[in-house]
C-alpha cells in the first residue's frame, strides 16, 4: 500500500470513514475508527505534517469528521519543537 501526501483537505477523507473520540480517563482520549477512518486519520496527519508551524485542525462532531456520539474533540497542531 502506498499513501501520497494529500495536497488539500479535500483529498483527506476516505469514502465511508467513521471515527469516534471519547474521554476515558485523566488526560486520555480514545479514538475508534473503521478502516477508512484510520486511513483518513493517517492522511490528515500527513497533510498537517507538511503545513507551516502553528497550523492546526479540529477533529470534532460538528462537521470535523467525528461521529455525533463523540464526547471529545481532537486538535492536531504542528509545532516547531
PDB file of N, CA and C in Angstrom:
ATOM      1  N   UNK A   1       0.844  -1.169   0.000  1.00  0.00           N
ATOM      2  CA  UNK A   1       0.000   0.000   0.000  1.00  0.00           C
ATOM      3  C   UNK A   1       0.890   1.232   0.000  1.00  0.00           C
ATOM      4  N   UNK A   2       0.479   2.230  -0.737  1.00  0.00           N
ATOM      5  CA  UNK A   2       1.191   3.499  -0.698  1.00  0.00           C
ATOM      6  C   UNK A   2       0.169   4.603  -0.446  1.00  0.00           C
ATOM      7  N   UNK A   3       0.589   5.576   0.324  1.00  0.00           N
ATOM      8  CA  UNK A   3      -0.260   6.719   0.618  1.00  0.00           C
ATOM      9  C   UNK A   3       0.512   7.968   0.218  1.00  0.00           C
ATOM     10  N   UNK A   4      -0.075   8.757  -0.649  1.00  0.00           N
ATOM     11  CA  UNK A   4       0.546  10.012  -1.040  1.00  0.00           C
ATOM     12  C   UNK A   4       0.112  11.104  -0.062  1.00  0.00           C
ATOM     13  N   UNK A   5       0.988  12.071   0.142  1.00  0.00           N
ATOM     14  CA  UNK A   5       0.643  13.202   1.000  1.00  0.00           C
ATOM     15  C   UNK A   5      -0.461  13.993   0.302  1.00  0.00           C
ATOM     16  N   UNK A   6      -1.610  14.153   0.948  1.00  0.00           N
ATOM     17  CA  UNK A   6      -2.707  14.909   0.340  1.00  0.00           C
ATOM     18  C   UNK A   6      -2.294  16.360   0.072  1.00  0.00           C
ATOM     19  N   UNK A   7      -2.755  16.901  -1.045  1.00  0.00           N
ATOM     20  CA  UNK A   7      -2.435  18.278  -1.408  1.00  0.00           C
ATOM     21  C   UNK A   7      -3.403  19.275  -0.783  1.00  0.00           C
ATOM     22  N   UNK A   8      -4.544  18.797  -0.314  1.00  0.00           N
ATOM     23  CA  UNK A   8      -5.527  19.656   0.323  1.00  0.00           C
ATOM     24  C   UNK A   8      -6.438  18.829   1.202  1.00  0.00           C
ATOM     25  N   UNK A   9      -7.221  19.479   2.058  1.00  0.00           N
ATOM     26  CA  UNK A   9      -8.103  18.747   2.969  1.00  0.00           C
ATOM     27  C   UNK A   9      -9.147  17.933   2.218  1.00  0.00           C
ATOM     28  N   UNK A  10      -9.513  18.367   1.009  1.00  0.00           N
ATOM     29  CA  UNK A  10     -10.475  17.608   0.224  1.00  0.00           C
ATOM     30  C   UNK A  10      -9.965  16.241  -0.183  1.00  0.00           C
ATOM     31  N   UNK A  11      -8.642  16.058  -0.172  1.00  0.00           N
ATOM     32  CA  UNK A  11      -8.032  14.784  -0.544  1.00  0.00           C
ATOM     33  C   UNK A  11      -7.871  13.838   0.644  1.00  0.00           C
ATOM     34  N   UNK A  12      -8.240  14.272   1.835  1.00  0.00           N
ATOM     35  CA  UNK A  12      -8.006  13.512   3.066  1.00  0.00           C
ATOM     36  C   UNK A  12      -9.086  12.460   3.319  1.00  0.00           C
ATOM     37  N   UNK A  13     -10.315  12.803   3.069  1.00  0.00           N
ATOM     38  CA  UNK A  13     -11.444  11.996   3.534  1.00  0.00           C
ATOM     39  C   UNK A  13     -11.695  10.777   2.652  1.00  0.00           C
ATOM     40  N   UNK A  14     -11.666   9.586   3.257  1.00  0.00           N
ATOM     41  CA  UNK A  14     -11.952   8.320   2.579  1.00  0.00           C
ATOM     42  C   UNK A  14     -13.465   8.077   2.582  1.00  0.00           C
ATOM     43  N   UNK A  15     -13.969   7.504   1.508  1.00  0.00           N
ATOM     44  CA  UNK A  15     -15.395   7.154   1.463  1.00  0.00           C
ATOM     45  C   UNK A  15     -15.749   6.185   2.579  1.00  0.00           C
ATOM     46  N   UNK A  16     -16.840   6.462   3.278  1.00  0.00           N
ATOM     47  CA  UNK A  16     -17.325   5.570   4.327  1.00  0.00           C
ATOM     48  C   UNK A  16     -16.584   5.666   5.645  1.00  0.00           C
ATOM     49  N   UNK A  17     -15.760   6.710   5.815  1.00  0.00           N
ATOM     50  CA  UNK A  17     -14.985   6.788   7.059  1.00  0.00           C
ATOM     51  C   UNK A  17     -15.902   7.041   8.250  1.00  0.00           C
ATOM     52  N   UNK A  18     -15.519   6.479   9.387  1.00  0.00           N
ATOM     53  CA  UNK A  18     -16.210   6.702  10.663  1.00  0.00           C
ATOM     54  C   UNK A  18     -15.146   6.800  11.736  1.00  0.00           C
ATOM     55  N   UNK A  19     -15.228   7.829  12.558  1.00  0.00           N
ATOM     56  CA  UNK A  19     -14.321   7.996  13.694  1.00  0.00           C
ATOM     57  C   UNK A  19     -15.126   8.488  14.881  1.00  0.00           C
ATOM     58  N   UNK A  20     -14.753   8.026  16.045  1.00  0.00           N
ATOM     59  CA  UNK A  20     -15.394   8.464  17.276  1.00  0.00           C
ATOM     60  C   UNK A  20     -14.302   8.712  18.309  1.00  0.00           C
ATOM     61  N   UNK A  21     -14.431   9.801  19.065  1.00  0.00           N
ATOM     62  CA  UNK A  21     -13.472  10.117  20.127  1.00  0.00           C
ATOM     63  C   UNK A  21     -14.223  10.229  21.442  1.00  0.00           C
ATOM     64  N   UNK A  22     -13.697   9.574  22.461  1.00  0.00           N
ATOM     65  CA  UNK A  22     -14.299   9.646  23.786  1.00  0.00           C
ATOM     66  C   UNK A  22     -13.208   9.870  24.830  1.00  0.00           C
ATOM     67  N   UNK A  23     -13.576  10.584  25.883  1.00  0.00           N
ATOM     68  CA  UNK A  23     -12.671  10.756  27.013  1.00  0.00           C
ATOM     69  C   UNK A  23     -12.821   9.535  27.902  1.00  0.00           C
ATOM     70  N   UNK A  24     -11.694   8.898  28.243  1.00  0.00           N
ATOM     71  CA  UNK A  24     -11.769   7.659  29.012  1.00  0.00           C
ATOM     72  C   UNK A  24     -11.146   7.773  30.396  1.00  0.00           C
ATOM     73  N   UNK A  25     -10.464   8.837  30.675  1.00  0.00           N
ATOM     74  CA  UNK A  25      -9.828   8.986  31.977  1.00  0.00           C
ATOM     75  C   UNK A  25      -9.011  10.257  32.012  1.00  0.00           C
ATOM     76  N   UNK A  26      -8.140  10.364  33.006  1.00  0.00           N
ATOM     77  CA  UNK A  26      -7.308  11.556  33.144  1.00  0.00           C
ATOM     78  C   UNK A  26      -6.455  11.771  31.904  1.00  0.00           C
ATOM     79  N   UNK A  27      -6.745  12.847  31.195  1.00  0.00           N
ATOM     80  CA  UNK A  27      -5.960  13.267  30.031  1.00  0.00           C
ATOM     81  C   UNK A  27      -5.831  12.167  28.980  1.00  0.00           C
ATOM     82  N   UNK A  28      -6.856  11.350  28.851  1.00  0.00           N
ATOM     83  CA  UNK A  28      -6.817  10.275  27.868  1.00  0.00           C
ATOM     84  C   UNK A  28      -8.015  10.396  26.932  1.00  0.00           C
ATOM     85  N   UNK A  29      -7.740  10.338  25.653  1.00  0.00           N
ATOM     86  CA  UNK A  29      -8.781  10.394  24.634  1.00  0.00           C
ATOM     87  C   UNK A  29      -8.636   9.145  23.769  1.00  0.00           C
ATOM     88  N   UNK A  30      -9.708   8.417  23.593  1.00  0.00           N
ATOM     89  CA  UNK A  30      -9.694   7.197  22.789  1.00  0.00           C
ATOM     90  C   UNK A  30     -10.367   7.498  21.450  1.00  0.00           C
ATOM     91  N   UNK A  31      -9.656   7.236  20.358  1.00  0.00           N
ATOM     92  CA  UNK A  31     -10.206   7.404  19.020  1.00  0.00           C
ATOM     93  C   UNK A  31     -10.427   6.012  18.440  1.00  0.00           C
ATOM     94  N   UNK A  32     -11.671   5.730  18.073  1.00  0.00           N
ATOM     95  CA  UNK A  32     -12.044   4.448  17.482  1.00  0.00           C
ATOM     96  C   UNK A  32     -12.498   4.738  16.060  1.00  0.00           C
ATOM     97  N   UNK A  33     -12.034   3.935  15.109  1.00  0.00           N
ATOM     98  CA  UNK A  33     -12.369   4.194  13.714  1.00  0.00           C
ATOM     99  C   UNK A  33     -12.461   2.894  12.933  1.00  0.00           C
ATOM    100  N   UNK A  34     -13.226   2.949  11.837  1.00  0.00           N
ATOM    101  CA  UNK A  34     -13.221   1.826  10.908  1.00  0.00           C
ATOM    102  C   UNK A  34     -11.994   1.976   9.998  1.00  0.00           C
ATOM    103  N   UNK A  35     -11.793   1.025   9.076  1.00  0.00           N
ATOM    104  CA  UNK A  35     -10.606   1.060   8.228  1.00  0.00           C
ATOM    105  C   UNK A  35     -10.509   2.359   7.421  1.00  0.00           C
ATOM    106  N   UNK A  36     -11.585   2.817   6.745  1.00  0.00           N
ATOM    107  CA  UNK A  36     -11.477   4.102   6.050  1.00  0.00           C
ATOM    108  C   UNK A  36     -11.221   5.264   7.013  1.00  0.00           C
ATOM    109  N   UNK A  37     -11.701   5.151   8.247  1.00  0.00           N
ATOM    110  CA  UNK A  37     -11.454   6.190   9.245  1.00  0.00           C
ATOM    111  C   UNK A  37      -9.991   6.273   9.641  1.00  0.00           C
ATOM    112  N   UNK A  38      -9.342   5.119   9.807  1.00  0.00           N
ATOM    113  CA  UNK A  38      -7.920   5.110  10.144  1.00  0.00           C
ATOM    114  C   UNK A  38      -7.087   5.649   8.982  1.00  0.00           C
ATOM    115  N   UNK A  39      -7.485   5.306   7.754  1.00  0.00           N
ATOM    116  CA  UNK A  39      -6.772   5.845   6.585  1.00  0.00           C
ATOM    117  C   UNK A  39      -6.972   7.359   6.499  1.00  0.00           C
ATOM    118  N   UNK A  40      -8.170   7.825   6.801  1.00  0.00           N
ATOM    119  CA  UNK A  40      -8.440   9.264   6.819  1.00  0.00           C
ATOM    120  C   UNK A  40      -7.555   9.946   7.850  1.00  0.00           C
ATOM    121  N   UNK A  41      -7.462   9.363   9.044  1.00  0.00           N
ATOM    122  CA  UNK A  41      -6.631   9.936  10.104  1.00  0.00           C
ATOM    123  C   UNK A  41      -5.169   9.992   9.672  1.00  0.00           C
ATOM    124  N   UNK A  42      -4.680   8.914   9.047  1.00  0.00           N
ATOM    125  CA  UNK A  42      -3.291   8.885   8.577  1.00  0.00           C
ATOM    126  C   UNK A  42      -3.047   9.984   7.539  1.00  0.00           C
ATOM    127  N   UNK A  43      -3.962  10.127   6.605  1.00  0.00           N
ATOM    128  CA  UNK A  43      -3.798  11.150   5.566  1.00  0.00           C
ATOM    129  C   UNK A  43      -3.921  12.559   6.153  1.00  0.00           C
ATOM    130  N   UNK A  44      -4.779  12.736   7.149  1.00  0.00           N
ATOM    131  CA  UNK A  44      -4.902  14.031   7.805  1.00  0.00           C
ATOM    132  C   UNK A  44      -3.583  14.409   8.488  1.00  0.00           C
ATOM    133  N   UNK A  45      -2.981  13.446   9.190  1.00  0.00           N
ATOM    134  CA  UNK A  45      -1.709  13.714   9.868  1.00  0.00           C
ATOM    135  C   UNK A  45      -0.597  14.003   8.866  1.00  0.00           C
ATOM    136  N   UNK A  46      -0.578  13.281   7.741  1.00  0.00           N
ATOM    137  CA  UNK A  46       0.404  13.568   6.695  1.00  0.00           C
ATOM    138  C   UNK A  46       0.221  14.978   6.145  1.00  0.00           C
ATOM    139  N   UNK A  47      -1.034  15.358   5.902  1.00  0.00           N
ATOM    140  CA  UNK A  47      -1.318  16.698   5.397  1.00  0.00           C
ATOM    141  C   UNK A  47      -0.837  17.763   6.377  1.00  0.00           C
ATOM    142  N   UNK A  48      -1.167  17.592   7.655  1.00  0.00           N
ATOM    143  CA  UNK A  48      -0.769  18.565   8.680  1.00  0.00           C
ATOM    144  C   UNK A  48       0.754  18.645   8.783  1.00  0.00           C
ATOM    145  N   UNK A  49       1.441  17.506   8.619  1.00  0.00           N
ATOM    146  CA  UNK A  49       2.904  17.496   8.749  1.00  0.00           C
ATOM    147  C   UNK A  49       3.598  18.350   7.699  1.00  0.00           C
ATOM    148  N   UNK A  50       2.917  18.652   6.611  1.00  0.00           N
ATOM    149  CA  UNK A  50       3.508  19.449   5.540  1.00  0.00           C
ATOM    150  C   UNK A  50       3.122  20.925   5.606  1.00  0.00           C
ATOM    151  N   UNK A  51       2.412  21.320   6.640  1.00  0.00           N
ATOM    152  CA  UNK A  51       1.975  22.706   6.792  1.00  0.00           C
ATOM    153  C   UNK A  51       2.974  23.483   7.647  1.00  0.00           C
ATOM    154  N   UNK A  52       2.874  24.802   7.646  1.00  0.00           N
ATOM    155  CA  UNK A  52       3.791  25.600   8.476  1.00  0.00           C
ATOM    156  C   UNK A  52       3.493  25.418   9.974  1.00  0.00           C
ATOM    157  N   UNK A  53       4.505  25.637  10.836  1.00  0.00           N
ATOM    158  CA  UNK A  53       4.280  25.540  12.279  1.00  0.00           C
ATOM    159  C   UNK A  53       3.102  26.417  12.700  1.00  0.00           C
ATOM    160  N   UNK A  54       2.320  25.898  13.614  1.00  0.00           N
ATOM    161  CA  UNK A  54       1.143  26.598  14.099  1.00  0.00           C
ATOM    162  C   UNK A  54      -0.133  26.166  13.403  1.00  0.00           C
ATOM    163  N   UNK A  55      -0.003  25.490  12.246  1.00  0.00           N
ATOM    164  CA  UNK A  55      -1.198  25.013  11.549  1.00  0.00           C
ATOM    165  C   UNK A  55      -1.880  23.986  12.450  1.00  0.00           C
ATOM    166  N   UNK A  56      -3.203  24.051  12.532  1.00  0.00           N
ATOM    167  CA  UNK A  56      -3.926  23.075  13.341  1.00  0.00           C
ATOM    168  C   UNK A  56      -5.261  22.745  12.688  1.00  0.00           C
ATOM    169  N   UNK A  57      -5.810  21.624  13.085  1.00  0.00           N
ATOM    170  CA  UNK A  57      -7.090  21.179  12.550  1.00  0.00           C
ATOM    171  C   UNK A  57      -7.896  20.553  13.681  1.00  0.00           C
ATOM    172  N   UNK A  58      -9.149  20.965  13.798  1.00  0.00           N
ATOM    173  CA  UNK A  58     -10.040  20.422  14.818  1.00  0.00           C
ATOM    174  C   UNK A  58     -10.792  19.234  14.234  1.00  0.00           C
ATOM    175  N   UNK A  59     -10.678  18.094  14.869  1.00  0.00           N
ATOM    176  CA  UNK A  59     -11.478  16.927  14.511  1.00  0.00           C
ATOM    177  C   UNK A  59     -12.568  16.867  15.580  1.00  0.00           C
ATOM    178  N   UNK A  60     -13.818  17.135  15.165  1.00  0.00           N
ATOM    179  CA  UNK A  60     -14.903  17.207  16.140  1.00  0.00           C
ATOM    180  C   UNK A  60     -16.186  16.646  15.541  1.00  0.00           C
ATOM    181  N   UNK A  61     -17.234  16.624  16.329  1.00  0.00           N
ATOM    182  CA  UNK A  61     -18.507  16.058  15.895  1.00  0.00           C
ATOM    183  C   UNK A  61     -19.397  17.078  15.198  1.00  0.00           C
ATOM    184  N   UNK A  62     -18.932  18.294  15.021  1.00  0.00           N
ATOM    185  CA  UNK A  62     -19.729  19.351  14.399  1.00  0.00           C
ATOM    186  C   UNK A  62     -19.277  19.606  12.971  1.00  0.00           C
ATOM    187  N   UNK A  63     -19.015  18.557  12.229  1.00  0.00           N
ATOM    188  CA  UNK A  63     -18.600  18.705  10.839  1.00  0.00           C
ATOM    189  C   UNK A  63     -17.113  18.493  10.616  1.00  0.00           C
ATOM    190  N   UNK A  64     -16.399  18.142  11.665  1.00  0.00           N
ATOM    191  CA  UNK A  64     -14.958  17.948  11.556  1.00  0.00           C
ATOM    192  C   UNK A  64     -14.535  16.503  11.531  1.00  0.00           C
ATOM    193  N   UNK A  65     -15.434  15.592  11.164  1.00  0.00           N
ATOM    194  CA  UNK A  65     -15.033  14.216  10.938  1.00  0.00           C
ATOM    195  C   UNK A  65     -15.410  13.198  11.995  1.00  0.00           C
ATOM    196  N   UNK A  66     -15.831  13.633  13.186  1.00  0.00           N
ATOM    197  CA  UNK A  66     -16.162  12.656  14.226  1.00  0.00           C
ATOM    198  C   UNK A  66     -17.643  12.331  14.240  1.00  0.00           C
ATOM    199  N   UNK A  67     -17.943  11.130  14.617  1.00  0.00           N
ATOM    200  CA  UNK A  67     -19.287  10.628  14.817  1.00  0.00           C
ATOM    201  C   UNK A  67     -20.004  11.495  15.858  1.00  0.00           C
ATOM    202  N   UNK A  68     -21.307  11.660  15.724  1.00  0.00           N
ATOM    203  CA  UNK A  68     -22.035  12.533  16.660  1.00  0.00           C
ATOM    204  C   UNK A  68     -22.160  11.939  18.063  1.00  0.00           C
ATOM    205  N   UNK A  69     -21.722  10.691  18.260  1.00  0.00           N
ATOM    206  CA  UNK A  69     -21.696  10.108  19.613  1.00  0.00           C
ATOM    207  C   UNK A  69     -20.413  10.454  20.356  1.00  0.00           C
ATOM    208  N   UNK A  70     -19.515  11.153  19.699  1.00  0.00           N
ATOM    209  CA  UNK A  70     -18.245  11.539  20.321  1.00  0.00           C
ATOM    210  C   UNK A  70     -18.500  12.550  21.429  1.00  0.00           C
ATOM    211  N   UNK A  71     -17.708  12.464  22.485  1.00  0.00           N
ATOM    212  CA  UNK A  71     -17.835  13.444  23.563  1.00  0.00           C
ATOM    213  C   UNK A  71     -16.547  14.237  23.743  1.00  0.00           C
ATOM    214  N   UNK A  72     -15.698  14.205  22.739  1.00  0.00           N
ATOM    215  CA  UNK A  72     -14.437  14.933  22.797  1.00  0.00           C
ATOM    216  C   UNK A  72     -14.125  15.449  21.404  1.00  0.00           C
ATOM    217  N   UNK A  73     -13.281  16.443  21.355  1.00  0.00           N
ATOM    218  CA  UNK A  73     -12.735  16.848  20.073  1.00  0.00           C
ATOM    219  C   UNK A  73     -11.227  16.694  20.166  1.00  0.00           C
ATOM    220  N   UNK A  74     -10.597  16.477  19.032  1.00  0.00           N
ATOM    221  CA  UNK A  74      -9.161  16.294  18.985  1.00  0.00           C
ATOM    222  C   UNK A  74      -8.605  17.419  18.124  1.00  0.00           C
ATOM    223  N   UNK A  75      -7.587  18.084  18.626  1.00  0.00           N
ATOM    224  CA  UNK A  75      -6.948  19.148  17.873  1.00  0.00           C
ATOM    225  C   UNK A  75      -5.519  18.705  17.577  1.00  0.00           C
ATOM    226  N   UNK A  76      -5.222  18.587  16.288  1.00  0.00           N
ATOM    227  CA  UNK A  76      -3.863  18.245  15.870  1.00  0.00           C
ATOM    228  C   UNK A  76      -3.183  19.540  15.452  1.00  0.00           C
ATOM    229  N   UNK A  77      -2.000  19.793  15.993  1.00  0.00           N
ATOM    230  CA  UNK A  77      -1.293  21.023  15.667  1.00  0.00           C
ATOM    231  C   UNK A  77       0.176  20.718  15.390  1.00  0.00           C
ATOM    232  N   UNK A  78       0.689  21.337  14.341  1.00  0.00           N
ATOM    233  CA  UNK A  78       2.111  21.200  14.025  1.00  0.00           C
ATOM    234  C   UNK A  78       2.858  22.293  14.759  1.00  0.00           C
ATOM    235  N   UNK A  79       3.856  21.905  15.517  1.00  0.00           N
ATOM    236  CA  UNK A  79       4.616  22.864  16.296  1.00  0.00           C
ATOM    237  C   UNK A  79       6.103  22.641  16.027  1.00  0.00           C
ATOM    238  N   UNK A  80       6.839  23.704  15.992  1.00  0.00           N
ATOM    239  CA  UNK A  80       8.293  23.611  15.824  1.00  0.00           C
ATOM    240  C   UNK A  80       8.891  23.329  17.195  1.00  0.00           C
ATOM    241  N   UNK A  81       9.190  22.092  17.476  1.00  0.00           N
ATOM    242  CA  UNK A  81       9.751  21.706  18.788  1.00  0.00           C
ATOM    243  C   UNK A  81      11.260  21.630  18.733  1.00  0.00           C
TER     244      UNK A  81
END
